[in-house]
Amino acid sequence: NLPWESMSKDIILIGPVRTGKSTIGKLLSEKLQLPQVSLDELRWKYYQEIGYDPGIAKKIRATGGFVALVFYWKLFDAYAVERVLADHQDCVFDFGAGASMYESREMFERVAEALAPYPNIIMLLPSPDIDESVRILNERTSDLPGSFGQGFNWHEYFLGQETYYKLAKHIVYTQGKTLEETCDEIISLVGK
């Protein structure tokens, strides 16, 4: 196959934390008989290829908290996206929440260029109403200790960033739908 032919088989799921990317990715993978590739599982290997230091990360978290740690990770996310796409084809990708959200224009442009040939980039959100999505996602993450505190609302922050919307080729809203219904909608959108 030519590279652009295989890219149409790939499905890339993006969106904030707890939108169902990994869960829907697993179901899509099973239905389409394609491997599932989770960037959250692979990113540490890619981060270390370009100098990520767990010791520095630990110090950053100890002094600046989780918010500061996330911004340290941002230095490595674009590279991780480029590498995972180069290493894996014909699969269902689920990207971590930060892999599609960039404040740095340079990092965003790198990721946009890497994703440009892929037609099946699906952003998962609970609702077209951003405030409703934030409320639902806040409920879904209330059990995450130490991550979503510090008076910083990650969901408002993530959903306030244009990069998710610019990278997504489709948005699928999950509120009121079963996992099966959401999965079938994605399959219909991508023409599988």
N, C-alpha and C. Protein backbone atom coordinates (compact mmCIF):
# COMPACT_ATOMS: atom_id res chain seq x y z
N ASN A 1 0.83 -1.20 0.00
CA ASN A 1 0.00 0.00 0.00
C ASN A 1 0.87 1.25 0.00
N LEU A 2 0.37 2.26 -0.68
CA LEU A 2 1.02 3.55 -0.61
C LEU A 2 0.68 4.19 0.73
N PRO A 3 1.56 5.04 1.26
CA PRO A 3 1.32 5.60 2.60
C PRO A 3 -0.05 6.26 2.75
N TRP A 4 -0.50 7.02 1.75
CA TRP A 4 -1.78 7.72 1.89
C TRP A 4 -2.97 6.77 1.85
N GLU A 5 -2.79 5.60 1.26
CA GLU A 5 -3.87 4.62 1.26
C GLU A 5 -4.08 4.04 2.66
N SER A 6 -2.99 3.75 3.34
CA SER A 6 -3.14 3.16 4.67
C SER A 6 -3.64 4.18 5.69
N MET A 7 -3.37 5.46 5.46
CA MET A 7 -3.79 6.47 6.43
C MET A 7 -5.30 6.52 6.58
N SER A 8 -6.05 6.19 5.52
CA SER A 8 -7.50 6.27 5.63
C SER A 8 -8.05 5.18 6.55
N LYS A 9 -7.25 4.16 6.85
CA LYS A 9 -7.69 3.11 7.78
C LYS A 9 -7.53 3.55 9.23
N ASP A 10 -6.65 4.49 9.46
CA ASP A 10 -6.40 4.95 10.83
C ASP A 10 -7.55 5.81 11.34
N ILE A 11 -7.88 5.62 12.60
CA ILE A 11 -8.83 6.47 13.30
C ILE A 11 -8.09 7.04 14.50
N ILE A 12 -8.15 8.36 14.65
CA ILE A 12 -7.45 9.03 15.74
C ILE A 12 -8.50 9.71 16.62
N LEU A 13 -8.56 9.30 17.88
CA LEU A 13 -9.51 9.86 18.83
C LEU A 13 -8.80 10.89 19.71
N ILE A 14 -9.36 12.10 19.76
CA ILE A 14 -8.80 13.17 20.58
C ILE A 14 -9.91 13.73 21.47
N GLY A 15 -9.49 14.50 22.47
CA GLY A 15 -10.45 15.15 23.35
C GLY A 15 -9.91 15.24 24.76
N PRO A 16 -10.64 15.97 25.61
CA PRO A 16 -10.21 16.13 27.00
C PRO A 16 -10.21 14.82 27.78
N VAL A 17 -9.73 14.89 29.00
CA VAL A 17 -9.69 13.75 29.92
C VAL A 17 -11.10 13.22 30.15
N ARG A 18 -11.22 11.91 30.14
CA ARG A 18 -12.46 11.18 30.46
C ARG A 18 -13.60 11.43 29.46
N THR A 19 -13.24 11.64 28.21
CA THR A 19 -14.29 11.73 27.19
C THR A 19 -14.60 10.37 26.58
N GLY A 20 -13.80 9.36 26.92
CA GLY A 20 -14.05 8.00 26.43
C GLY A 20 -13.14 7.56 25.31
N LYS A 21 -12.04 8.27 25.10
CA LYS A 21 -11.14 7.95 23.99
C LYS A 21 -10.63 6.51 24.05
N SER A 22 -10.12 6.10 25.19
CA SER A 22 -9.57 4.74 25.32
C SER A 22 -10.67 3.68 25.26
N THR A 23 -11.79 3.95 25.90
CA THR A 23 -12.89 2.98 25.92
C THR A 23 -13.48 2.81 24.52
N ILE A 24 -13.76 3.92 23.86
CA ILE A 24 -14.30 3.87 22.49
C ILE A 24 -13.24 3.29 21.56
N GLY A 25 -11.98 3.65 21.78
CA GLY A 25 -10.90 3.11 20.96
C GLY A 25 -10.84 1.60 21.02
N LYS A 26 -11.01 1.05 22.20
CA LYS A 26 -11.00 -0.41 22.37
C LYS A 26 -12.15 -1.05 21.61
N LEU A 27 -13.33 -0.47 21.71
CA LEU A 27 -14.49 -1.01 21.02
C LEU A 27 -14.34 -0.91 19.50
N LEU A 28 -13.84 0.23 19.03
CA LEU A 28 -13.59 0.39 17.58
C LEU A 28 -12.57 -0.63 17.11
N SER A 29 -11.52 -0.80 17.89
CA SER A 29 -10.46 -1.75 17.56
C SER A 29 -11.04 -3.16 17.39
N GLU A 30 -11.90 -3.55 18.31
CA GLU A 30 -12.51 -4.88 18.23
C GLU A 30 -13.44 -5.00 17.03
N LYS A 31 -14.28 -3.99 16.81
CA LYS A 31 -15.26 -4.05 15.71
C LYS A 31 -14.58 -4.04 14.34
N LEU A 32 -13.52 -3.25 14.22
CA LEU A 32 -12.85 -3.08 12.93
C LEU A 32 -11.66 -4.02 12.76
N GLN A 33 -11.37 -4.78 13.79
CA GLN A 33 -10.23 -5.70 13.80
C GLN A 33 -8.93 -4.97 13.41
N LEU A 34 -8.73 -3.85 14.09
CA LEU A 34 -7.52 -3.06 13.94
C LEU A 34 -6.87 -2.95 15.32
N PRO A 35 -5.54 -2.88 15.38
CA PRO A 35 -4.90 -2.71 16.69
C PRO A 35 -5.27 -1.36 17.31
N GLN A 36 -5.31 -1.32 18.62
CA GLN A 36 -5.50 -0.06 19.34
C GLN A 36 -4.14 0.40 19.83
N VAL A 37 -3.83 1.68 19.61
CA VAL A 37 -2.57 2.26 20.05
C VAL A 37 -2.89 3.45 20.95
N SER A 38 -2.49 3.35 22.21
CA SER A 38 -2.76 4.39 23.18
C SER A 38 -1.50 5.24 23.39
N LEU A 39 -1.58 6.50 23.00
CA LEU A 39 -0.43 7.38 23.15
C LEU A 39 -0.06 7.57 24.62
N ASP A 40 -1.04 7.56 25.51
CA ASP A 40 -0.72 7.69 26.94
C ASP A 40 0.22 6.58 27.42
N GLU A 41 0.10 5.40 26.84
CA GLU A 41 0.97 4.28 27.24
C GLU A 41 2.36 4.39 26.61
N LEU A 42 2.45 4.95 25.42
CA LEU A 42 3.72 4.98 24.69
C LEU A 42 4.50 6.27 24.86
N ARG A 43 3.87 7.32 25.33
CA ARG A 43 4.51 8.63 25.30
C ARG A 43 5.79 8.71 26.11
N TRP A 44 5.87 7.96 27.22
CA TRP A 44 7.06 8.05 28.07
C TRP A 44 8.31 7.63 27.32
N LYS A 45 8.19 6.60 26.51
CA LYS A 45 9.32 6.14 25.71
C LYS A 45 9.74 7.23 24.72
N TYR A 46 8.76 7.83 24.07
CA TYR A 46 9.06 8.89 23.11
C TYR A 46 9.62 10.13 23.81
N TYR A 47 9.05 10.50 24.94
CA TYR A 47 9.55 11.64 25.71
C TYR A 47 11.04 11.46 26.01
N GLN A 48 11.41 10.26 26.46
CA GLN A 48 12.80 10.04 26.86
C GLN A 48 13.76 10.11 25.68
N GLU A 49 13.27 9.83 24.48
CA GLU A 49 14.14 9.92 23.30
C GLU A 49 14.66 11.34 23.09
N ILE A 50 13.94 12.34 23.59
CA ILE A 50 14.38 13.72 23.38
C ILE A 50 14.68 14.45 24.70
N GLY A 51 15.01 13.68 25.74
CA GLY A 51 15.54 14.30 26.94
C GLY A 51 14.61 14.45 28.13
N TYR A 52 13.44 13.86 28.08
CA TYR A 52 12.56 13.91 29.26
C TYR A 52 13.28 13.30 30.44
N ASP A 53 13.21 13.98 31.57
CA ASP A 53 13.91 13.53 32.77
C ASP A 53 12.89 13.34 33.90
N PRO A 54 12.63 12.09 34.31
CA PRO A 54 11.68 11.85 35.39
C PRO A 54 12.06 12.56 36.69
N GLY A 55 13.34 12.73 36.93
CA GLY A 55 13.79 13.44 38.13
C GLY A 55 13.39 14.90 38.10
N ILE A 56 13.56 15.53 36.95
CA ILE A 56 13.13 16.92 36.80
C ILE A 56 11.61 17.00 36.95
N ALA A 57 10.90 16.05 36.34
CA ALA A 57 9.43 16.04 36.43
C ALA A 57 8.99 15.95 37.89
N LYS A 58 9.67 15.13 38.66
CA LYS A 58 9.32 14.97 40.08
C LYS A 58 9.53 16.28 40.84
N LYS A 59 10.64 16.96 40.55
CA LYS A 59 10.92 18.24 41.21
C LYS A 59 9.89 19.30 40.82
N ILE A 60 9.54 19.31 39.53
CA ILE A 60 8.54 20.28 39.06
C ILE A 60 7.21 20.05 39.77
N ARG A 61 6.80 18.80 39.86
CA ARG A 61 5.52 18.50 40.53
C ARG A 61 5.58 18.88 42.01
N ALA A 62 6.72 18.62 42.65
CA ALA A 62 6.84 18.93 44.08
C ALA A 62 6.78 20.43 44.34
N THR A 63 7.32 21.22 43.43
CA THR A 63 7.35 22.67 43.65
C THR A 63 6.18 23.41 43.02
N GLY A 64 5.73 22.95 41.85
CA GLY A 64 4.68 23.67 41.13
C GLY A 64 3.36 22.95 41.03
N GLY A 65 3.32 21.70 41.49
CA GLY A 65 2.09 20.93 41.43
C GLY A 65 1.84 20.32 40.06
N PHE A 66 0.68 19.71 39.93
CA PHE A 66 0.33 19.00 38.70
C PHE A 66 0.24 19.93 37.50
N VAL A 67 -0.26 21.14 37.71
CA VAL A 67 -0.38 22.10 36.61
C VAL A 67 1.00 22.34 35.99
N ALA A 68 2.00 22.59 36.81
CA ALA A 68 3.35 22.83 36.31
C ALA A 68 3.89 21.60 35.59
N LEU A 69 3.60 20.42 36.13
CA LEU A 69 4.05 19.18 35.51
C LEU A 69 3.47 19.02 34.11
N VAL A 70 2.20 19.34 33.94
CA VAL A 70 1.57 19.24 32.61
C VAL A 70 2.29 20.14 31.62
N PHE A 71 2.68 21.33 32.05
CA PHE A 71 3.37 22.23 31.14
C PHE A 71 4.78 21.73 30.81
N TYR A 72 5.40 20.98 31.70
CA TYR A 72 6.67 20.32 31.36
C TYR A 72 6.42 19.26 30.29
N TRP A 73 5.37 18.47 30.46
CA TRP A 73 5.04 17.44 29.46
C TRP A 73 4.82 18.05 28.08
N LYS A 74 4.28 19.27 28.03
CA LYS A 74 3.98 19.90 26.74
C LYS A 74 5.22 20.03 25.87
N LEU A 75 6.38 20.11 26.48
CA LEU A 75 7.63 20.22 25.71
C LEU A 75 7.88 18.97 24.87
N PHE A 76 7.24 17.87 25.20
CA PHE A 76 7.52 16.58 24.58
C PHE A 76 6.35 16.02 23.77
N ASP A 77 5.17 16.61 23.92
CA ASP A 77 3.97 16.04 23.31
C ASP A 77 4.00 16.01 21.78
N ALA A 78 4.44 17.09 21.15
CA ALA A 78 4.43 17.13 19.68
C ALA A 78 5.32 16.02 19.11
N TYR A 79 6.48 15.85 19.71
CA TYR A 79 7.38 14.78 19.26
C TYR A 79 6.72 13.41 19.43
N ALA A 80 6.05 13.20 20.55
CA ALA A 80 5.38 11.91 20.80
C ALA A 80 4.31 11.64 19.74
N VAL A 81 3.56 12.67 19.36
CA VAL A 81 2.55 12.51 18.30
C VAL A 81 3.22 12.12 16.99
N GLU A 82 4.27 12.84 16.63
CA GLU A 82 4.98 12.53 15.37
C GLU A 82 5.49 11.10 15.37
N ARG A 83 6.07 10.69 16.48
CA ARG A 83 6.66 9.34 16.56
C ARG A 83 5.62 8.24 16.54
N VAL A 84 4.53 8.42 17.28
CA VAL A 84 3.52 7.35 17.31
C VAL A 84 2.89 7.17 15.93
N LEU A 85 2.71 8.26 15.20
CA LEU A 85 2.16 8.15 13.85
C LEU A 85 3.15 7.48 12.90
N ALA A 86 4.43 7.75 13.09
CA ALA A 86 5.46 7.13 12.24
C ALA A 86 5.60 5.64 12.54
N ASP A 87 5.42 5.27 13.80
CA ASP A 87 5.64 3.89 14.23
C ASP A 87 4.46 2.95 14.00
N HIS A 88 3.25 3.50 13.85
CA HIS A 88 2.05 2.66 13.80
C HIS A 88 1.15 3.07 12.65
N GLN A 89 0.66 2.09 11.92
CA GLN A 89 -0.28 2.34 10.84
C GLN A 89 -1.43 1.34 10.93
N ASP A 90 -2.53 1.69 10.27
CA ASP A 90 -3.71 0.82 10.21
C ASP A 90 -4.19 0.45 11.60
N CYS A 91 -4.50 1.45 12.40
CA CYS A 91 -4.92 1.19 13.77
C CYS A 91 -5.87 2.27 14.27
N VAL A 92 -6.36 2.06 15.46
CA VAL A 92 -7.18 3.04 16.16
C VAL A 92 -6.28 3.66 17.24
N PHE A 93 -6.02 4.95 17.10
CA PHE A 93 -5.21 5.68 18.08
C PHE A 93 -6.13 6.34 19.09
N ASP A 94 -5.77 6.28 20.36
CA ASP A 94 -6.40 7.17 21.33
C ASP A 94 -5.29 8.03 21.92
N PHE A 95 -5.42 9.32 21.67
CA PHE A 95 -4.43 10.28 22.14
C PHE A 95 -4.82 10.74 23.54
N GLY A 96 -3.82 10.99 24.37
CA GLY A 96 -4.08 11.58 25.67
C GLY A 96 -4.63 12.99 25.50
N ALA A 97 -5.23 13.51 26.54
CA ALA A 97 -5.87 14.82 26.47
C ALA A 97 -4.92 15.91 26.01
N GLY A 98 -3.68 15.86 26.46
CA GLY A 98 -2.73 16.91 26.13
C GLY A 98 -2.12 16.82 24.74
N ALA A 99 -2.26 15.69 24.09
CA ALA A 99 -1.60 15.48 22.80
C ALA A 99 -2.22 16.29 21.67
N SER A 100 -3.36 16.90 21.90
CA SER A 100 -4.02 17.69 20.86
C SER A 100 -4.27 19.12 21.31
N MET A 101 -3.68 19.52 22.40
CA MET A 101 -3.92 20.82 22.97
C MET A 101 -2.57 21.54 23.13
N TYR A 102 -2.44 22.67 22.42
CA TYR A 102 -1.15 23.38 22.42
C TYR A 102 -1.37 24.88 22.54
N GLU A 103 -0.58 25.51 23.39
CA GLU A 103 -0.55 26.96 23.44
C GLU A 103 0.56 27.48 22.53
N SER A 104 1.62 26.70 22.38
CA SER A 104 2.74 27.09 21.54
C SER A 104 2.36 26.92 20.06
N ARG A 105 2.44 28.00 19.31
CA ARG A 105 2.12 27.95 17.88
C ARG A 105 3.03 26.95 17.16
N GLU A 106 4.31 26.95 17.51
CA GLU A 106 5.27 26.04 16.87
C GLU A 106 4.89 24.58 17.10
N MET A 107 4.58 24.23 18.34
CA MET A 107 4.20 22.84 18.64
C MET A 107 2.89 22.48 17.95
N PHE A 108 1.93 23.39 17.96
CA PHE A 108 0.66 23.13 17.29
C PHE A 108 0.89 22.89 15.80
N GLU A 109 1.70 23.71 15.17
CA GLU A 109 1.94 23.56 13.73
C GLU A 109 2.62 22.23 13.41
N ARG A 110 3.51 21.79 14.27
CA ARG A 110 4.14 20.47 14.07
C ARG A 110 3.09 19.36 14.10
N VAL A 111 2.21 19.42 15.10
CA VAL A 111 1.19 18.38 15.23
C VAL A 111 0.18 18.48 14.08
N ALA A 112 -0.21 19.69 13.72
CA ALA A 112 -1.16 19.87 12.61
C ALA A 112 -0.57 19.30 11.32
N GLU A 113 0.71 19.52 11.10
CA GLU A 113 1.37 18.97 9.91
C GLU A 113 1.41 17.45 9.95
N ALA A 114 1.73 16.90 11.10
CA ALA A 114 1.78 15.43 11.24
C ALA A 114 0.41 14.81 11.02
N LEU A 115 -0.65 15.48 11.48
CA LEU A 115 -2.00 14.93 11.38
C LEU A 115 -2.71 15.28 10.06
N ALA A 116 -2.18 16.23 9.31
CA ALA A 116 -2.86 16.71 8.10
C ALA A 116 -3.30 15.60 7.14
N PRO A 117 -2.50 14.57 6.89
CA PRO A 117 -2.92 13.54 5.93
C PRO A 117 -3.99 12.58 6.46
N TYR A 118 -4.32 12.67 7.72
CA TYR A 118 -5.25 11.70 8.34
C TYR A 118 -6.67 12.26 8.32
N PRO A 119 -7.58 11.63 7.57
CA PRO A 119 -8.94 12.16 7.48
C PRO A 119 -9.84 11.81 8.67
N ASN A 120 -9.46 10.83 9.46
CA ASN A 120 -10.35 10.31 10.49
C ASN A 120 -9.92 10.72 11.90
N ILE A 121 -9.88 12.02 12.13
CA ILE A 121 -9.54 12.55 13.45
C ILE A 121 -10.85 12.96 14.12
N ILE A 122 -11.20 12.22 15.16
CA ILE A 122 -12.49 12.38 15.82
C ILE A 122 -12.29 12.96 17.21
N MET A 123 -12.90 14.11 17.47
CA MET A 123 -12.89 14.64 18.83
C MET A 123 -14.15 14.16 19.53
N LEU A 124 -13.97 13.56 20.70
CA LEU A 124 -15.09 13.12 21.51
C LEU A 124 -15.40 14.17 22.57
N LEU A 125 -16.66 14.54 22.66
CA LEU A 125 -17.14 15.46 23.69
C LEU A 125 -18.49 14.98 24.18
N PRO A 126 -18.82 15.25 25.43
CA PRO A 126 -20.14 14.86 25.90
C PRO A 126 -21.27 15.60 25.18
N SER A 127 -21.10 16.91 24.97
CA SER A 127 -22.21 17.74 24.50
C SER A 127 -21.71 18.87 23.62
N PRO A 128 -22.54 19.36 22.69
CA PRO A 128 -22.15 20.55 21.92
C PRO A 128 -22.13 21.81 22.78
N ASP A 129 -22.78 21.77 23.92
CA ASP A 129 -22.78 22.88 24.87
C ASP A 129 -21.52 22.76 25.73
N ILE A 130 -20.61 23.70 25.56
CA ILE A 130 -19.31 23.62 26.24
C ILE A 130 -19.48 23.60 27.76
N ASP A 131 -20.36 24.45 28.28
CA ASP A 131 -20.58 24.46 29.74
C ASP A 131 -21.08 23.11 30.23
N GLU A 132 -21.97 22.49 29.48
CA GLU A 132 -22.49 21.17 29.84
C GLU A 132 -21.37 20.13 29.78
N SER A 133 -20.53 20.22 28.75
CA SER A 133 -19.39 19.29 28.65
C SER A 133 -18.47 19.45 29.85
N VAL A 134 -18.17 20.69 30.22
CA VAL A 134 -17.30 20.94 31.37
C VAL A 134 -17.92 20.34 32.63
N ARG A 135 -19.21 20.54 32.84
CA ARG A 135 -19.89 20.00 34.02
C ARG A 135 -19.80 18.48 34.05
N ILE A 136 -20.10 17.84 32.92
CA ILE A 136 -20.06 16.37 32.85
C ILE A 136 -18.65 15.85 33.08
N LEU A 137 -17.68 16.48 32.45
CA LEU A 137 -16.29 16.03 32.60
C LEU A 137 -15.77 16.27 34.01
N ASN A 138 -16.19 17.36 34.64
CA ASN A 138 -15.80 17.59 36.04
C ASN A 138 -16.34 16.46 36.93
N GLU A 139 -17.56 16.02 36.67
CA GLU A 139 -18.11 14.89 37.43
C GLU A 139 -17.30 13.62 37.19
N ARG A 140 -16.92 13.39 35.94
CA ARG A 140 -16.18 12.17 35.60
C ARG A 140 -14.77 12.14 36.18
N THR A 141 -14.22 13.30 36.47
CA THR A 141 -12.84 13.34 36.98
C THR A 141 -12.77 13.62 38.47
N SER A 142 -13.90 13.65 39.14
CA SER A 142 -13.90 13.97 40.57
C SER A 142 -13.14 12.95 41.40
N ASP A 143 -12.89 11.76 40.85
CA ASP A 143 -12.16 10.72 41.59
C ASP A 143 -10.66 10.75 41.34
N LEU A 144 -10.16 11.70 40.57
CA LEU A 144 -8.73 11.75 40.26
C LEU A 144 -8.00 12.58 41.31
N PRO A 145 -7.39 11.94 42.29
CA PRO A 145 -6.74 12.69 43.38
C PRO A 145 -5.48 13.40 42.91
N GLY A 146 -5.33 14.62 43.38
CA GLY A 146 -4.10 15.34 43.15
C GLY A 146 -3.89 15.84 41.73
N SER A 147 -4.77 15.51 40.83
CA SER A 147 -4.57 15.90 39.45
C SER A 147 -5.38 17.11 39.05
N PHE A 148 -6.60 17.17 39.52
CA PHE A 148 -7.49 18.20 39.03
C PHE A 148 -7.84 19.22 40.11
N GLY A 149 -6.97 19.38 41.07
CA GLY A 149 -7.21 20.36 42.12
C GLY A 149 -6.51 21.66 41.81
N GLN A 150 -5.98 22.27 42.81
CA GLN A 150 -5.20 23.50 42.72
C GLN A 150 -6.01 24.67 42.17
N GLY A 151 -7.33 24.61 42.21
CA GLY A 151 -8.14 25.71 41.74
C GLY A 151 -8.06 25.94 40.24
N PHE A 152 -7.65 24.94 39.51
CA PHE A 152 -7.48 25.06 38.06
C PHE A 152 -8.46 24.09 37.40
N ASN A 153 -9.34 24.60 36.56
CA ASN A 153 -10.32 23.74 35.90
C ASN A 153 -9.77 23.31 34.54
N TRP A 154 -9.26 22.09 34.48
CA TRP A 154 -8.66 21.58 33.25
C TRP A 154 -9.65 21.54 32.10
N HIS A 155 -10.87 21.20 32.38
CA HIS A 155 -11.84 21.05 31.29
C HIS A 155 -12.17 22.40 30.67
N GLU A 156 -12.32 23.43 31.48
CA GLU A 156 -12.52 24.77 30.92
C GLU A 156 -11.30 25.17 30.10
N TYR A 157 -10.14 24.85 30.63
CA TYR A 157 -8.89 25.19 29.93
C TYR A 157 -8.80 24.45 28.60
N PHE A 158 -8.96 23.13 28.63
CA PHE A 158 -8.85 22.34 27.39
C PHE A 158 -9.89 22.76 26.36
N LEU A 159 -11.13 22.90 26.79
CA LEU A 159 -12.20 23.22 25.85
C LEU A 159 -12.16 24.67 25.39
N GLY A 160 -11.38 25.50 26.09
CA GLY A 160 -11.18 26.87 25.66
C GLY A 160 -10.08 27.02 24.63
N GLN A 161 -9.35 25.96 24.36
CA GLN A 161 -8.26 25.99 23.39
C GLN A 161 -8.78 25.68 21.99
N GLU A 162 -8.39 26.45 21.03
CA GLU A 162 -8.83 26.23 19.65
C GLU A 162 -8.19 25.00 19.02
N THR A 163 -7.08 24.55 19.56
CA THR A 163 -6.32 23.50 18.87
C THR A 163 -7.10 22.21 18.73
N TYR A 164 -7.88 21.83 19.74
CA TYR A 164 -8.71 20.62 19.61
C TYR A 164 -9.60 20.73 18.37
N TYR A 165 -10.26 21.87 18.24
CA TYR A 165 -11.24 22.06 17.18
C TYR A 165 -10.56 22.16 15.81
N LYS A 166 -9.38 22.75 15.78
CA LYS A 166 -8.65 22.86 14.51
C LYS A 166 -8.11 21.52 14.04
N LEU A 167 -7.72 20.65 14.96
CA LEU A 167 -7.17 19.35 14.58
C LEU A 167 -8.25 18.33 14.23
N ALA A 168 -9.41 18.45 14.86
CA ALA A 168 -10.48 17.47 14.64
C ALA A 168 -11.08 17.64 13.25
N LYS A 169 -11.30 16.51 12.59
CA LYS A 169 -12.01 16.54 11.30
C LYS A 169 -13.50 16.27 11.53
N HIS A 170 -13.82 15.66 12.67
CA HIS A 170 -15.21 15.38 13.06
C HIS A 170 -15.31 15.53 14.58
N ILE A 171 -16.49 15.93 15.05
CA ILE A 171 -16.77 15.93 16.49
C ILE A 171 -17.94 14.99 16.72
N VAL A 172 -17.79 14.09 17.67
CA VAL A 172 -18.86 13.16 18.03
C VAL A 172 -19.24 13.45 19.48
N TYR A 173 -20.53 13.71 19.69
CA TYR A 173 -21.06 13.98 21.02
C TYR A 173 -21.61 12.69 21.60
N THR A 174 -21.25 12.41 22.84
CA THR A 174 -21.55 11.11 23.44
C THR A 174 -22.72 11.12 24.41
N GLN A 175 -23.13 12.28 24.87
CA GLN A 175 -24.19 12.35 25.88
C GLN A 175 -25.47 11.69 25.36
N GLY A 176 -26.03 10.81 26.18
CA GLY A 176 -27.28 10.14 25.83
C GLY A 176 -27.11 8.97 24.88
N LYS A 177 -25.87 8.61 24.57
CA LYS A 177 -25.60 7.50 23.66
C LYS A 177 -24.88 6.39 24.40
N THR A 178 -25.14 5.16 24.00
CA THR A 178 -24.37 4.04 24.53
C THR A 178 -23.01 4.03 23.86
N LEU A 179 -22.09 3.25 24.41
CA LEU A 179 -20.78 3.08 23.77
C LEU A 179 -20.95 2.53 22.36
N GLU A 180 -21.84 1.57 22.20
CA GLU A 180 -22.10 0.97 20.88
C GLU A 180 -22.59 2.01 19.89
N GLU A 181 -23.52 2.86 20.33
CA GLU A 181 -24.06 3.89 19.44
C GLU A 181 -22.98 4.88 19.03
N THR A 182 -22.15 5.27 19.99
CA THR A 182 -21.05 6.18 19.68
C THR A 182 -20.08 5.54 18.70
N CYS A 183 -19.74 4.30 18.94
CA CYS A 183 -18.84 3.56 18.06
C CYS A 183 -19.43 3.46 16.65
N ASP A 184 -20.70 3.13 16.55
CA ASP A 184 -21.35 3.01 15.24
C ASP A 184 -21.38 4.35 14.51
N GLU A 185 -21.58 5.43 15.24
CA GLU A 185 -21.56 6.76 14.63
C GLU A 185 -20.19 7.06 14.03
N ILE A 186 -19.14 6.72 14.76
CA ILE A 186 -17.78 6.95 14.26
C ILE A 186 -17.53 6.10 13.02
N ILE A 187 -17.92 4.85 13.06
CA ILE A 187 -17.73 3.97 11.90
C ILE A 187 -18.47 4.52 10.69
N SER A 188 -19.66 5.03 10.90
CA SER A 188 -20.43 5.63 9.82
C SER A 188 -19.73 6.88 9.27
N LEU A 189 -19.19 7.71 10.16
CA LEU A 189 -18.49 8.93 9.74
C LEU A 189 -17.27 8.63 8.89
N VAL A 190 -16.52 7.62 9.27
CA VAL A 190 -15.26 7.33 8.57
C VAL A 190 -15.45 6.37 7.40
N GLY A 191 -16.66 5.88 7.24
CA GLY A 191 -16.96 5.04 6.08
C GLY A 191 -16.34 3.67 6.12
N LYS A 192 -16.21 3.09 7.31
CA LYS A 192 -15.61 1.74 7.42
C LYS A 192 -16.65 0.69 7.15
